[in-house]
Amino acid sequence: MGHIIAIINECGAIGETSREKRHCCEYSGCGKRLRDRYALVAHIRLKHTNDKPFACNECHKTFPIEKYLKSHQMIHSVVKSYKCKYDCPYASTTPQSLNSHYTTHHSSDAVKKFVCDWVGCGKRFRANVPLMAHIRI
């Protein structure tokens, strides 16, 4: 089955009518085409303006897109439903944090390239932050 090509009125871009990207960014030099107005507004806020109209009611951090706010608000939840599957007390409010925890603390292929250079120590870490915490102790 062939595709019908059509000129899209808003910015003169050419696209397929079956999945047209009818909304065109009019910022100078951009011209990015998107399928719906929501995606266009999100693109403009993320790439061209610093507009962040969505604020967290807990910490007042602001976001350009409502779904970013909703994702962020999970960190304020007292229910930490993502629990570490290893013999470890770690739990988090988001799957992303749990995956980061696995990479940092339980990944067998993670190279411990951060080394304490105190004489006689030599303890190794997968990331710089725990090394710095170790040095401060």
C-alpha atoms as a PDB file:
ATOM      1  CA  MET A   1       0.000   0.000   0.000  1.00  0.00           C
ATOM      2  CA  GLY A   2       1.436   3.370  -1.009  1.00  0.00           C
ATOM      3  CA  HIS A   3       1.411   6.547   1.026  1.00  0.00           C
ATOM      4  CA  ILE A   4      -0.301   9.715  -0.095  1.00  0.00           C
ATOM      5  CA  ILE A   5       1.947  12.762   0.142  1.00  0.00           C
ATOM      6  CA  ALA A   6       0.318  16.045   1.116  1.00  0.00           C
ATOM      7  CA  ILE A   7       1.520  19.587   1.741  1.00  0.00           C
ATOM      8  CA  ILE A   8       0.779  20.558   5.299  1.00  0.00           C
ATOM      9  CA  ASN A   9      -0.678  24.056   5.476  1.00  0.00           C
ATOM     10  CA  GLU A  10       0.771  25.397   8.742  1.00  0.00           C
ATOM     11  CA  CYS A  11       4.427  25.529   7.727  1.00  0.00           C
ATOM     12  CA  GLY A  12       4.527  24.106   4.207  1.00  0.00           C
ATOM     13  CA  ALA A  13       6.219  20.889   5.312  1.00  0.00           C
ATOM     14  CA  ILE A  14       5.678  17.704   3.351  1.00  0.00           C
ATOM     15  CA  GLY A  15       4.540  14.564   5.143  1.00  0.00           C
ATOM     16  CA  GLU A  16       2.461  11.406   4.918  1.00  0.00           C
ATOM     17  CA  THR A  17      -1.256  11.934   5.414  1.00  0.00           C
ATOM     18  CA  SER A  18      -1.588   8.696   7.382  1.00  0.00           C
ATOM     19  CA  ARG A  19       0.614  10.046  10.184  1.00  0.00           C
ATOM     20  CA  GLU A  20       1.004  13.744   9.422  1.00  0.00           C
ATOM     21  CA  LYS A  21       3.046  15.992  11.618  1.00  0.00           C
ATOM     22  CA  ARG A  22       0.829  19.013  11.129  1.00  0.00           C
ATOM     23  CA  HIS A  23       2.148  21.267  13.885  1.00  0.00           C
ATOM     24  CA  CYS A  24       5.325  23.097  12.950  1.00  0.00           C
ATOM     25  CA  CYS A  25       7.663  24.907  15.356  1.00  0.00           C
ATOM     26  CA  GLU A  26       8.057  28.471  14.151  1.00  0.00           C
ATOM     27  CA  TYR A  27      11.165  29.353  16.163  1.00  0.00           C
ATOM     28  CA  SER A  28      13.906  30.624  13.877  1.00  0.00           C
ATOM     29  CA  GLY A  29      15.949  27.813  12.384  1.00  0.00           C
ATOM     30  CA  CYS A  30      13.935  25.016  13.990  1.00  0.00           C
ATOM     31  CA  GLY A  31      11.029  23.912  11.790  1.00  0.00           C
ATOM     32  CA  LYS A  32      10.480  20.699  13.777  1.00  0.00           C
ATOM     33  CA  ARG A  33       7.141  19.085  12.944  1.00  0.00           C
ATOM     34  CA  LEU A  34       5.008  17.339  15.530  1.00  0.00           C
ATOM     35  CA  ARG A  35       1.801  15.330  15.405  1.00  0.00           C
ATOM     36  CA  ASP A  36      -0.263  17.238  17.960  1.00  0.00           C
ATOM     37  CA  ARG A  37      -0.459  20.596  19.690  1.00  0.00           C
ATOM     38  CA  TYR A  38       0.509  19.103  23.075  1.00  0.00           C
ATOM     39  CA  ALA A  39       3.769  17.784  21.613  1.00  0.00           C
ATOM     40  CA  LEU A  40       4.462  21.162  19.984  1.00  0.00           C
ATOM     41  CA  VAL A  41       3.943  23.044  23.267  1.00  0.00           C
ATOM     42  CA  ALA A  42       6.170  20.539  25.090  1.00  0.00           C
ATOM     43  CA  HIS A  43       8.873  20.907  22.406  1.00  0.00           C
ATOM     44  CA  ILE A  44       8.812  24.710  22.647  1.00  0.00           C
ATOM     45  CA  ARG A  45       9.058  24.659  26.453  1.00  0.00           C
ATOM     46  CA  LEU A  46      11.896  22.118  26.427  1.00  0.00           C
ATOM     47  CA  LYS A  47      13.972  23.508  23.547  1.00  0.00           C
ATOM     48  CA  HIS A  48      13.213  27.203  23.173  1.00  0.00           C
ATOM     49  CA  THR A  49      11.844  28.755  26.367  1.00  0.00           C
ATOM     50  CA  ASN A  50      12.347  28.313  30.062  1.00  0.00           C
ATOM     51  CA  ASP A  51       8.585  28.198  30.705  1.00  0.00           C
ATOM     52  CA  LYS A  52       7.888  25.857  33.629  1.00  0.00           C
ATOM     53  CA  PRO A  53       4.246  26.343  34.613  1.00  0.00           C
ATOM     54  CA  PHE A  54       3.864  23.134  36.655  1.00  0.00           C
ATOM     55  CA  ALA A  55       5.043  23.432  40.284  1.00  0.00           C
ATOM     56  CA  CYS A  56       5.404  20.743  42.930  1.00  0.00           C
ATOM     57  CA  ASN A  57       3.244  21.556  45.948  1.00  0.00           C
ATOM     58  CA  GLU A  58       5.786  19.889  48.276  1.00  0.00           C
ATOM     59  CA  CYS A  59       9.138  21.404  47.270  1.00  0.00           C
ATOM     60  CA  HIS A  60       8.054  24.042  44.714  1.00  0.00           C
ATOM     61  CA  LYS A  61      10.344  22.700  41.980  1.00  0.00           C
ATOM     62  CA  THR A  62       8.909  23.625  38.572  1.00  0.00           C
ATOM     63  CA  PHE A  63       8.563  21.642  35.350  1.00  0.00           C
ATOM     64  CA  PRO A  64       7.799  22.436  31.700  1.00  0.00           C
ATOM     65  CA  ILE A  65       5.483  19.438  31.257  1.00  0.00           C
ATOM     66  CA  GLU A  66       2.828  18.070  33.593  1.00  0.00           C
ATOM     67  CA  LYS A  67       3.972  14.450  33.214  1.00  0.00           C
ATOM     68  CA  TYR A  68       7.448  15.484  34.460  1.00  0.00           C
ATOM     69  CA  LEU A  69       5.806  16.982  37.554  1.00  0.00           C
ATOM     70  CA  LYS A  70       3.769  13.829  38.174  1.00  0.00           C
ATOM     71  CA  SER A  71       6.888  11.686  37.865  1.00  0.00           C
ATOM     72  CA  HIS A  72       8.778  14.001  40.243  1.00  0.00           C
ATOM     73  CA  GLN A  73       5.984  13.958  42.837  1.00  0.00           C
ATOM     74  CA  MET A  74       6.611  10.246  43.358  1.00  0.00           C
ATOM     75  CA  ILE A  75       9.784  11.104  45.311  1.00  0.00           C
ATOM     76  CA  HIS A  76       7.663  12.752  48.006  1.00  0.00           C
ATOM     77  CA  SER A  77       5.554   9.641  48.475  1.00  0.00           C
ATOM     78  CA  VAL A  78       5.961   7.878  51.807  1.00  0.00           C
ATOM     79  CA  VAL A  79       5.103   4.585  50.112  1.00  0.00           C
ATOM     80  CA  LYS A  80       8.281   3.151  48.667  1.00  0.00           C
ATOM     81  CA  SER A  81       6.818   0.311  46.663  1.00  0.00           C
ATOM     82  CA  TYR A  82       9.929  -0.488  44.576  1.00  0.00           C
ATOM     83  CA  LYS A  83      11.990  -2.735  46.853  1.00  0.00           C
ATOM     84  CA  CYS A  84      15.434  -4.175  46.188  1.00  0.00           C
ATOM     85  CA  LYS A  85      15.274  -7.862  45.241  1.00  0.00           C
ATOM     86  CA  TYR A  86      18.609  -8.601  46.897  1.00  0.00           C
ATOM     87  CA  ASP A  87      19.298  -8.956  50.622  1.00  0.00           C
ATOM     88  CA  CYS A  88      19.257  -5.193  50.995  1.00  0.00           C
ATOM     89  CA  PRO A  89      16.925  -2.740  52.795  1.00  0.00           C
ATOM     90  CA  TYR A  90      16.787  -0.280  49.872  1.00  0.00           C
ATOM     91  CA  ALA A  91      13.368   0.792  48.583  1.00  0.00           C
ATOM     92  CA  SER A  92      12.351   3.677  46.332  1.00  0.00           C
ATOM     93  CA  THR A  93       9.304   5.465  45.008  1.00  0.00           C
ATOM     94  CA  THR A  94      10.271   5.104  41.331  1.00  0.00           C
ATOM     95  CA  PRO A  95      11.497   2.236  39.152  1.00  0.00           C
ATOM     96  CA  GLN A  96      14.220   4.512  37.753  1.00  0.00           C
ATOM     97  CA  SER A  97      15.733   5.002  41.219  1.00  0.00           C
ATOM     98  CA  LEU A  98      15.620   1.266  41.873  1.00  0.00           C
ATOM     99  CA  ASN A  99      17.396   0.550  38.568  1.00  0.00           C
ATOM    100  CA  SER A 100      20.041   3.125  39.437  1.00  0.00           C
ATOM    101  CA  HIS A 101      20.472   1.408  42.814  1.00  0.00           C
ATOM    102  CA  TYR A 102      20.949  -1.974  41.089  1.00  0.00           C
ATOM    103  CA  THR A 103      23.574  -0.523  38.759  1.00  0.00           C
ATOM    104  CA  THR A 104      25.464   1.175  41.572  1.00  0.00           C
ATOM    105  CA  HIS A 105      25.284  -1.500  44.262  1.00  0.00           C
ATOM    106  CA  HIS A 106      24.477  -4.897  42.758  1.00  0.00           C
ATOM    107  CA  SER A 107      25.785  -4.970  39.194  1.00  0.00           C
ATOM    108  CA  SER A 108      28.453  -7.632  38.797  1.00  0.00           C
ATOM    109  CA  ASP A 109      29.728  -6.027  35.603  1.00  0.00           C
ATOM    110  CA  ALA A 110      30.104  -2.581  37.143  1.00  0.00           C
ATOM    111  CA  VAL A 111      33.774  -1.720  37.310  1.00  0.00           C
ATOM    112  CA  LYS A 112      34.940  -0.229  40.591  1.00  0.00           C
ATOM    113  CA  LYS A 113      37.190   2.358  39.002  1.00  0.00           C
ATOM    114  CA  PHE A 114      37.106   4.938  41.834  1.00  0.00           C
ATOM    115  CA  VAL A 115      39.914   4.088  44.262  1.00  0.00           C
ATOM    116  CA  CYS A 116      40.714   5.577  47.656  1.00  0.00           C
ATOM    117  CA  ASP A 117      44.295   6.824  47.504  1.00  0.00           C
ATOM    118  CA  TRP A 118      44.862   6.988  51.259  1.00  0.00           C
ATOM    119  CA  VAL A 119      48.011   5.048  52.154  1.00  0.00           C
ATOM    120  CA  GLY A 120      47.091   1.475  53.041  1.00  0.00           C
ATOM    121  CA  CYS A 121      43.405   1.738  52.036  1.00  0.00           C
ATOM    122  CA  GLY A 122      42.834   1.119  48.322  1.00  0.00           C
ATOM    123  CA  LYS A 123      39.088   0.528  48.757  1.00  0.00           C
ATOM    124  CA  ARG A 124      37.294   0.676  45.390  1.00  0.00           C
ATOM    125  CA  PHE A 125      33.910   2.192  44.444  1.00  0.00           C
ATOM    126  CA  ARG A 126      31.654   2.142  41.371  1.00  0.00           C
ATOM    127  CA  ALA A 127      30.986   5.897  41.583  1.00  0.00           C
ATOM    128  CA  ASN A 128      32.702   9.037  42.847  1.00  0.00           C
ATOM    129  CA  VAL A 129      29.985  10.013  45.372  1.00  0.00           C
ATOM    130  CA  PRO A 130      30.479   6.983  47.662  1.00  0.00           C
ATOM    131  CA  LEU A 131      34.260   7.417  47.383  1.00  0.00           C
ATOM    132  CA  MET A 132      33.946  11.037  48.550  1.00  0.00           C
ATOM    133  CA  ALA A 133      31.683   9.938  51.429  1.00  0.00           C
ATOM    134  CA  HIS A 134      34.267   7.284  52.374  1.00  0.00           C
ATOM    135  CA  ILE A 135      37.101   9.837  52.371  1.00  0.00           C
ATOM    136  CA  ARG A 136      35.132  12.217  54.627  1.00  0.00           C
ATOM    137  CA  ILE A 137      34.673   9.517  57.301  1.00  0.00           C
END
